[in-house]
Amino acid sequence: MTPDAMTDLVRDWQTRLGLDTWAITIEYGTVEDGDGECEAEWEYNKATVRFDMDQIEDGDHLAFVVHELLHCVTRPLEACADGLAGKDPRLLEWTRQSTEKVVSDLERLLLRFTVRPVSPPSH
């Protein structure tokens, strides 16, 4: 996928997720700890999302966009948890893992409604 197509995908999902009032900057290049990241300043409705296009496999672009944008949605809760964790590295890691779990679960949930119909379980 080209960066222009990825930008269009981000803008589409920015609207779908109710982030239309956010100023979201999109950057492409190397991401230090993975293939995508989001730095959200939730109190100002402002964020930067970064994607390492060389690390994202074909067909995974939508999932990465939804995942990173969901960090904007969950950032206020993460900020509260970080505040409660203080400087305790164990608690901060727990907060990070919990945030990633929630964001990943929400991503999968949303993609179930947009990518393919889900068959009801057979009894």
Protein backbone atom coordinates (compact mmCIF):
# COMPACT_ATOMS: atom_id res chain seq x y z
CA MET A 1 0.00 0.00 0.00
CA THR A 2 1.26 3.47 -0.81
CA PRO A 3 1.58 6.16 1.88
CA ASP A 4 -1.18 8.15 0.12
CA ALA A 5 -3.56 5.18 0.32
CA MET A 6 -2.61 4.65 3.96
CA THR A 7 -3.30 8.32 4.69
CA ASP A 8 -6.75 7.96 3.09
CA LEU A 9 -7.40 4.92 5.31
CA VAL A 10 -6.36 6.85 8.43
CA ARG A 11 -8.64 9.78 7.54
CA ASP A 12 -11.57 7.43 6.86
CA TRP A 13 -11.15 5.65 10.19
CA GLN A 14 -10.50 8.89 12.02
CA THR A 15 -14.08 9.82 11.10
CA ARG A 16 -15.50 6.35 11.78
CA LEU A 17 -14.03 6.35 15.29
CA GLY A 18 -15.39 9.81 16.10
CA LEU A 19 -11.99 11.46 16.05
CA ASP A 20 -12.98 14.12 13.49
CA THR A 21 -12.19 16.93 15.93
CA TRP A 22 -8.68 15.59 16.47
CA ALA A 23 -5.63 17.00 14.71
CA ILE A 24 -3.88 13.80 13.69
CA THR A 25 -0.47 13.95 12.04
CA ILE A 26 0.59 10.91 10.03
CA GLU A 27 4.25 10.01 9.66
CA TYR A 28 6.01 7.21 7.80
CA GLY A 29 9.40 5.72 8.57
CA THR A 30 11.12 3.53 11.11
CA VAL A 31 9.21 2.88 14.32
CA GLU A 32 11.47 2.16 17.28
CA ASP A 33 9.55 -0.70 18.91
CA GLY A 34 7.45 -2.23 16.15
CA ASP A 35 5.59 -1.30 13.03
CA GLY A 36 3.20 1.37 14.28
CA GLU A 37 2.78 3.77 17.16
CA CYS A 38 0.55 6.55 18.40
CA GLU A 39 1.43 9.49 20.61
CA ALA A 40 -1.86 10.96 21.74
CA GLU A 41 -2.30 14.22 23.63
CA TRP A 42 -5.91 13.50 24.54
CA GLU A 43 -6.40 16.69 26.53
CA TYR A 44 -5.79 18.65 23.31
CA ASN A 45 -7.39 16.22 20.81
CA LYS A 46 -4.05 15.92 19.08
CA ALA A 47 -2.01 12.88 18.04
CA THR A 48 0.79 11.64 15.84
CA VAL A 49 0.55 8.17 14.33
CA ARG A 50 3.60 6.58 12.75
CA PHE A 51 3.78 3.58 10.47
CA ASP A 52 6.79 1.61 9.25
CA MET A 53 5.38 0.58 5.89
CA ASP A 54 8.27 -1.86 5.31
CA GLN A 55 7.23 -3.84 8.39
CA ILE A 56 3.48 -4.05 7.70
CA GLU A 57 2.50 -7.10 5.67
CA ASP A 58 0.09 -6.84 2.76
CA GLY A 59 -3.48 -7.08 3.99
CA ASP A 60 -2.63 -5.87 7.51
CA HIS A 61 -2.78 -2.12 6.87
CA LEU A 62 -6.38 -1.66 7.99
CA ALA A 63 -5.73 -3.46 11.29
CA PHE A 64 -2.72 -1.24 11.99
CA VAL A 65 -4.67 1.94 11.24
CA VAL A 66 -7.59 0.94 13.47
CA HIS A 67 -5.24 -0.21 16.25
CA GLU A 68 -3.18 2.98 16.36
CA LEU A 69 -6.22 5.26 16.18
CA LEU A 70 -7.87 3.35 19.03
CA HIS A 71 -4.99 4.49 21.22
CA CYS A 72 -6.47 8.00 20.90
CA VAL A 73 -9.76 6.68 22.26
CA THR A 74 -8.20 4.79 25.19
CA ARG A 75 -5.47 7.30 26.08
CA PRO A 76 -7.43 9.05 28.88
CA LEU A 77 -7.83 5.74 30.73
CA GLU A 78 -4.19 4.87 30.15
CA ALA A 79 -3.15 8.26 31.54
CA CYS A 80 -5.17 7.61 34.71
CA ALA A 81 -3.62 4.18 35.12
CA ASP A 82 -0.12 5.59 34.53
CA GLY A 83 -0.78 8.22 37.20
CA LEU A 84 -1.86 5.59 39.70
CA ALA A 85 1.15 3.42 38.82
CA GLY A 86 3.51 6.26 39.67
CA LYS A 87 7.12 5.36 38.97
CA ASP A 88 6.74 1.66 39.75
CA PRO A 89 8.11 -0.10 36.63
CA ARG A 90 6.09 -3.24 37.36
CA LEU A 91 2.82 -1.30 37.52
CA LEU A 92 3.71 0.77 34.45
CA GLU A 93 4.35 -2.42 32.48
CA TRP A 94 1.04 -3.82 33.68
CA THR A 95 -0.66 -0.64 32.46
CA ARG A 96 1.06 -0.93 29.07
CA GLN A 97 0.09 -4.58 28.66
CA SER A 98 -3.50 -3.93 29.75
CA THR A 99 -3.83 -1.03 27.30
CA GLU A 100 -2.50 -3.11 24.41
CA LYS A 101 -4.90 -5.94 25.29
CA VAL A 102 -7.92 -3.61 25.33
CA VAL A 103 -6.88 -1.85 22.11
CA SER A 104 -6.22 -5.17 20.34
CA ASP A 105 -9.56 -6.58 21.47
CA LEU A 106 -11.41 -3.46 20.29
CA GLU A 107 -9.53 -3.58 16.97
CA ARG A 108 -10.58 -7.20 16.38
CA LEU A 109 -14.16 -6.39 17.37
CA LEU A 110 -14.41 -3.46 14.96
CA LEU A 111 -12.81 -5.37 12.11
CA ARG A 112 -15.36 -8.18 12.52
CA PHE A 113 -18.04 -5.67 11.54
CA THR A 114 -16.18 -4.21 8.58
CA VAL A 115 -14.12 -6.91 6.92
CA ARG A 116 -16.32 -9.97 6.64
CA PRO A 117 -19.68 -11.21 7.85
CA VAL A 118 -19.47 -13.27 11.00
CA SER A 119 -21.37 -16.53 10.95
CA PRO A 120 -23.36 -17.34 14.05
CA PRO A 121 -22.02 -20.30 16.03
CA SER A 122 -23.55 -23.61 15.02
CA HIS A 123 -25.36 -25.52 17.75
